[in-house]
Amino acid sequence: MAELSHTFTTTFNNNYMINPEVTEAIDQMQMEYHCCGALTFSQWRDSLWLHDNPDLNNSVPDSCCKTPSPYCGVRDHPSNIWYNGCIHQFEDELGRHLLILGAVGCGICLIQVFGMILSCCLYIKLKDIDENYY
């Protein structure tokens, strides 16, 4: 989790409003998962986005707002923005998908083992037929 947390924090702080694809992904994530920032909303204070735009009055991106609208991120009051970070929701989503992938992998493994057993049985049967033929 530490590496994921570090990657999230670095991406949020260093790439927001610099890389358009990352910006769109972060905004979408914050709106879909009802979260703000990597670990918490206050991490936006350390972002390049705010440091590079001193005239910007926002304390968080507008996508952090419970009802997104232009300049709604000026107020970081709990009634206005989501306080929880996105990493927790992302970990939950990742865990759900990993569970499905693990189950599918186990199913494929069982099919492979069953196929090996059948091929061994077939080999033994063909060997017996071959020995009885001569």
C-alpha atoms as a PDB file:
ATOM      1  CA  MET A   1       0.000   0.000   0.000  1.00  0.00           C
ATOM      2  CA  ALA A   2       2.882   2.364   0.702  1.00  0.00           C
ATOM      3  CA  GLU A   3       4.056   2.298  -2.901  1.00  0.00           C
ATOM      4  CA  LEU A   4       0.537   2.851  -4.233  1.00  0.00           C
ATOM      5  CA  SER A   5       0.051   5.689  -1.764  1.00  0.00           C
ATOM      6  CA  HIS A   6       3.327   7.305  -2.831  1.00  0.00           C
ATOM      7  CA  THR A   7       2.477   6.943  -6.529  1.00  0.00           C
ATOM      8  CA  PHE A   8      -0.992   8.406  -6.031  1.00  0.00           C
ATOM      9  CA  THR A   9       0.336  11.355  -4.028  1.00  0.00           C
ATOM     10  CA  THR A  10       3.101  12.075  -6.541  1.00  0.00           C
ATOM     11  CA  THR A  11       0.709  11.854  -9.490  1.00  0.00           C
ATOM     12  CA  PHE A  12      -1.914  14.069  -7.871  1.00  0.00           C
ATOM     13  CA  ASN A  13       0.633  16.667  -6.708  1.00  0.00           C
ATOM     14  CA  ASN A  14       2.912  16.802  -9.744  1.00  0.00           C
ATOM     15  CA  ASN A  15       0.744  16.051 -12.790  1.00  0.00           C
ATOM     16  CA  TYR A  16      -2.640  17.665 -12.156  1.00  0.00           C
ATOM     17  CA  MET A  17      -3.308  20.395 -14.761  1.00  0.00           C
ATOM     18  CA  ILE A  18       0.059  19.630 -16.368  1.00  0.00           C
ATOM     19  CA  ASN A  19      -0.808  16.386 -18.144  1.00  0.00           C
ATOM     20  CA  PRO A  20      -4.322  16.595 -19.682  1.00  0.00           C
ATOM     21  CA  GLU A  21      -4.921  12.826 -19.574  1.00  0.00           C
ATOM     22  CA  VAL A  22      -3.930  12.632 -15.905  1.00  0.00           C
ATOM     23  CA  THR A  23      -6.055  15.684 -15.097  1.00  0.00           C
ATOM     24  CA  GLU A  24      -9.094  14.127 -16.757  1.00  0.00           C
ATOM     25  CA  ALA A  25      -8.511  10.804 -14.970  1.00  0.00           C
ATOM     26  CA  ILE A  26      -8.142  12.486 -11.559  1.00  0.00           C
ATOM     27  CA  ASP A  27     -11.237  14.639 -12.078  1.00  0.00           C
ATOM     28  CA  GLN A  28     -13.253  11.605 -13.189  1.00  0.00           C
ATOM     29  CA  MET A  29     -12.028   9.568 -10.218  1.00  0.00           C
ATOM     30  CA  GLN A  30     -12.859  12.317  -7.726  1.00  0.00           C
ATOM     31  CA  MET A  31     -16.358  12.771  -9.108  1.00  0.00           C
ATOM     32  CA  GLU A  32     -17.103   9.047  -9.473  1.00  0.00           C
ATOM     33  CA  TYR A  33     -15.710   7.915  -6.112  1.00  0.00           C
ATOM     34  CA  HIS A  34     -16.761  11.042  -4.181  1.00  0.00           C
ATOM     35  CA  CYS A  35     -13.253  11.718  -2.945  1.00  0.00           C
ATOM     36  CA  CYS A  36     -10.714  14.523  -2.941  1.00  0.00           C
ATOM     37  CA  GLY A  37      -6.948  14.204  -3.214  1.00  0.00           C
ATOM     38  CA  ALA A  38      -4.798  11.115  -2.951  1.00  0.00           C
ATOM     39  CA  LEU A  39      -4.993  10.490   0.795  1.00  0.00           C
ATOM     40  CA  THR A  40      -6.952  13.550   1.926  1.00  0.00           C
ATOM     41  CA  PHE A  41      -8.259  16.825   0.522  1.00  0.00           C
ATOM     42  CA  SER A  42      -5.545  18.835   2.319  1.00  0.00           C
ATOM     43  CA  GLN A  43      -2.829  17.332   0.114  1.00  0.00           C
ATOM     44  CA  TRP A  44      -3.884  19.655  -2.689  1.00  0.00           C
ATOM     45  CA  ARG A  45      -2.142  22.464  -0.758  1.00  0.00           C
ATOM     46  CA  ASP A  46       1.196  20.874  -1.700  1.00  0.00           C
ATOM     47  CA  SER A  47       0.379  20.440  -5.385  1.00  0.00           C
ATOM     48  CA  LEU A  48       2.147  22.147  -8.263  1.00  0.00           C
ATOM     49  CA  TRP A  49      -1.297  23.104  -9.535  1.00  0.00           C
ATOM     50  CA  LEU A  50      -1.775  25.548  -6.640  1.00  0.00           C
ATOM     51  CA  HIS A  51       1.865  26.658  -6.413  1.00  0.00           C
ATOM     52  CA  ASP A  52       2.041  27.429 -10.140  1.00  0.00           C
ATOM     53  CA  ASN A  53      -1.250  29.384 -10.055  1.00  0.00           C
ATOM     54  CA  PRO A  54      -1.014  31.888  -7.176  1.00  0.00           C
ATOM     55  CA  ASP A  55      -3.971  33.856  -8.562  1.00  0.00           C
ATOM     56  CA  LEU A  56      -6.199  30.797  -8.241  1.00  0.00           C
ATOM     57  CA  ASN A  57      -8.465  31.052  -5.211  1.00  0.00           C
ATOM     58  CA  ASN A  58      -9.379  27.363  -5.177  1.00  0.00           C
ATOM     59  CA  SER A  59      -8.108  25.255  -2.306  1.00  0.00           C
ATOM     60  CA  VAL A  60      -9.116  22.054  -4.154  1.00  0.00           C
ATOM     61  CA  PRO A  61     -10.123  21.244  -7.758  1.00  0.00           C
ATOM     62  CA  ASP A  62     -13.770  21.746  -8.633  1.00  0.00           C
ATOM     63  CA  SER A  63     -14.097  17.977  -9.143  1.00  0.00           C
ATOM     64  CA  CYS A  64     -13.771  17.598  -5.340  1.00  0.00           C
ATOM     65  CA  CYS A  65     -17.062  19.388  -4.787  1.00  0.00           C
ATOM     66  CA  LYS A  66     -20.172  17.490  -3.801  1.00  0.00           C
ATOM     67  CA  THR A  67     -21.970  19.468  -6.486  1.00  0.00           C
ATOM     68  CA  PRO A  68     -19.273  20.357  -9.055  1.00  0.00           C
ATOM     69  CA  SER A  69     -19.562  23.846 -10.510  1.00  0.00           C
ATOM     70  CA  PRO A  70     -17.045  26.491 -11.570  1.00  0.00           C
ATOM     71  CA  TYR A  71     -15.019  27.796  -8.601  1.00  0.00           C
ATOM     72  CA  CYS A  72     -16.828  25.603  -6.092  1.00  0.00           C
ATOM     73  CA  GLY A  73     -13.398  24.452  -4.861  1.00  0.00           C
ATOM     74  CA  VAL A  74     -12.752  27.836  -3.251  1.00  0.00           C
ATOM     75  CA  ARG A  75     -14.417  26.713  -0.022  1.00  0.00           C
ATOM     76  CA  ASP A  76     -13.062  23.561   1.595  1.00  0.00           C
ATOM     77  CA  HIS A  77     -15.922  23.256   4.068  1.00  0.00           C
ATOM     78  CA  PRO A  78     -17.239  19.698   4.728  1.00  0.00           C
ATOM     79  CA  SER A  79     -20.637  20.639   3.354  1.00  0.00           C
ATOM     80  CA  ASN A  80     -19.027  21.626   0.066  1.00  0.00           C
ATOM     81  CA  ILE A  81     -16.278  19.097  -0.725  1.00  0.00           C
ATOM     82  CA  TRP A  82     -15.466  15.436  -0.189  1.00  0.00           C
ATOM     83  CA  TYR A  83     -12.897  15.069   2.585  1.00  0.00           C
ATOM     84  CA  ASN A  84     -11.826  11.462   2.093  1.00  0.00           C
ATOM     85  CA  GLY A  85      -8.931  10.619  -0.222  1.00  0.00           C
ATOM     86  CA  CYS A  86      -9.297   8.588  -3.394  1.00  0.00           C
ATOM     87  CA  ILE A  87      -6.770   5.888  -2.541  1.00  0.00           C
ATOM     88  CA  HIS A  88      -9.163   4.034  -0.234  1.00  0.00           C
ATOM     89  CA  GLN A  89     -11.893   3.788  -2.866  1.00  0.00           C
ATOM     90  CA  PHE A  90      -9.306   2.823  -5.485  1.00  0.00           C
ATOM     91  CA  GLU A  91      -7.945   0.050  -3.245  1.00  0.00           C
ATOM     92  CA  ASP A  92     -11.464  -1.283  -2.700  1.00  0.00           C
ATOM     93  CA  GLU A  93     -12.141  -1.277  -6.450  1.00  0.00           C
ATOM     94  CA  LEU A  94      -8.784  -2.901  -7.158  1.00  0.00           C
ATOM     95  CA  GLY A  95      -9.471  -5.542  -4.503  1.00  0.00           C
ATOM     96  CA  ARG A  96     -12.818  -6.415  -6.083  1.00  0.00           C
ATOM     97  CA  HIS A  97     -11.219  -6.803  -9.498  1.00  0.00           C
ATOM     98  CA  LEU A  98      -8.292  -8.810  -8.128  1.00  0.00           C
ATOM     99  CA  LEU A  99     -10.712 -11.187  -6.449  1.00  0.00           C
ATOM    100  CA  ILE A 100     -12.454 -11.799  -9.776  1.00  0.00           C
ATOM    101  CA  LEU A 101      -9.126 -12.218 -11.592  1.00  0.00           C
ATOM    102  CA  GLY A 102      -7.922 -14.638  -8.919  1.00  0.00           C
ATOM    103  CA  ALA A 103     -11.089 -16.709  -9.184  1.00  0.00           C
ATOM    104  CA  VAL A 104     -10.810 -16.850 -12.983  1.00  0.00           C
ATOM    105  CA  GLY A 105      -7.132 -17.828 -12.680  1.00  0.00           C
ATOM    106  CA  CYS A 106      -7.986 -20.647 -10.257  1.00  0.00           C
ATOM    107  CA  GLY A 107     -10.725 -21.853 -12.606  1.00  0.00           C
ATOM    108  CA  ILE A 108      -8.308 -21.963 -15.538  1.00  0.00           C
ATOM    109  CA  CYS A 109      -5.766 -23.776 -13.350  1.00  0.00           C
ATOM    110  CA  LEU A 110      -8.345 -26.442 -12.482  1.00  0.00           C
ATOM    111  CA  ILE A 111      -9.187 -26.912 -16.154  1.00  0.00           C
ATOM    112  CA  GLN A 112      -5.471 -27.332 -16.927  1.00  0.00           C
ATOM    113  CA  VAL A 113      -5.038 -29.920 -14.148  1.00  0.00           C
ATOM    114  CA  PHE A 114      -8.125 -31.803 -15.345  1.00  0.00           C
ATOM    115  CA  GLY A 115      -6.702 -31.772 -18.891  1.00  0.00           C
ATOM    116  CA  MET A 116      -3.371 -33.154 -17.649  1.00  0.00           C
ATOM    117  CA  ILE A 117      -5.143 -35.967 -15.780  1.00  0.00           C
ATOM    118  CA  LEU A 118      -7.169 -36.863 -18.872  1.00  0.00           C
ATOM    119  CA  SER A 119      -4.074 -36.816 -21.084  1.00  0.00           C
ATOM    120  CA  CYS A 120      -2.236 -39.130 -18.630  1.00  0.00           C
ATOM    121  CA  CYS A 121      -5.206 -41.515 -18.631  1.00  0.00           C
ATOM    122  CA  LEU A 122      -5.273 -41.464 -22.430  1.00  0.00           C
ATOM    123  CA  TYR A 123      -1.515 -42.124 -22.580  1.00  0.00           C
ATOM    124  CA  ILE A 124      -1.838 -45.122 -20.240  1.00  0.00           C
ATOM    125  CA  LYS A 125      -4.789 -46.501 -22.216  1.00  0.00           C
ATOM    126  CA  LEU A 126      -2.948 -46.118 -25.542  1.00  0.00           C
ATOM    127  CA  LYS A 127       0.176 -47.704 -24.051  1.00  0.00           C
ATOM    128  CA  ASP A 128      -1.864 -50.719 -22.891  1.00  0.00           C
ATOM    129  CA  ILE A 129      -3.438 -51.081 -26.333  1.00  0.00           C
ATOM    130  CA  ASP A 130      -0.018 -50.808 -27.986  1.00  0.00           C
ATOM    131  CA  GLU A 131       1.491 -53.482 -25.689  1.00  0.00           C
ATOM    132  CA  ASN A 132      -1.433 -55.856 -26.272  1.00  0.00           C
ATOM    133  CA  TYR A 133      -1.253 -55.322 -30.027  1.00  0.00           C
ATOM    134  CA  TYR A 134       2.142 -56.967 -30.374  1.00  0.00           C
END
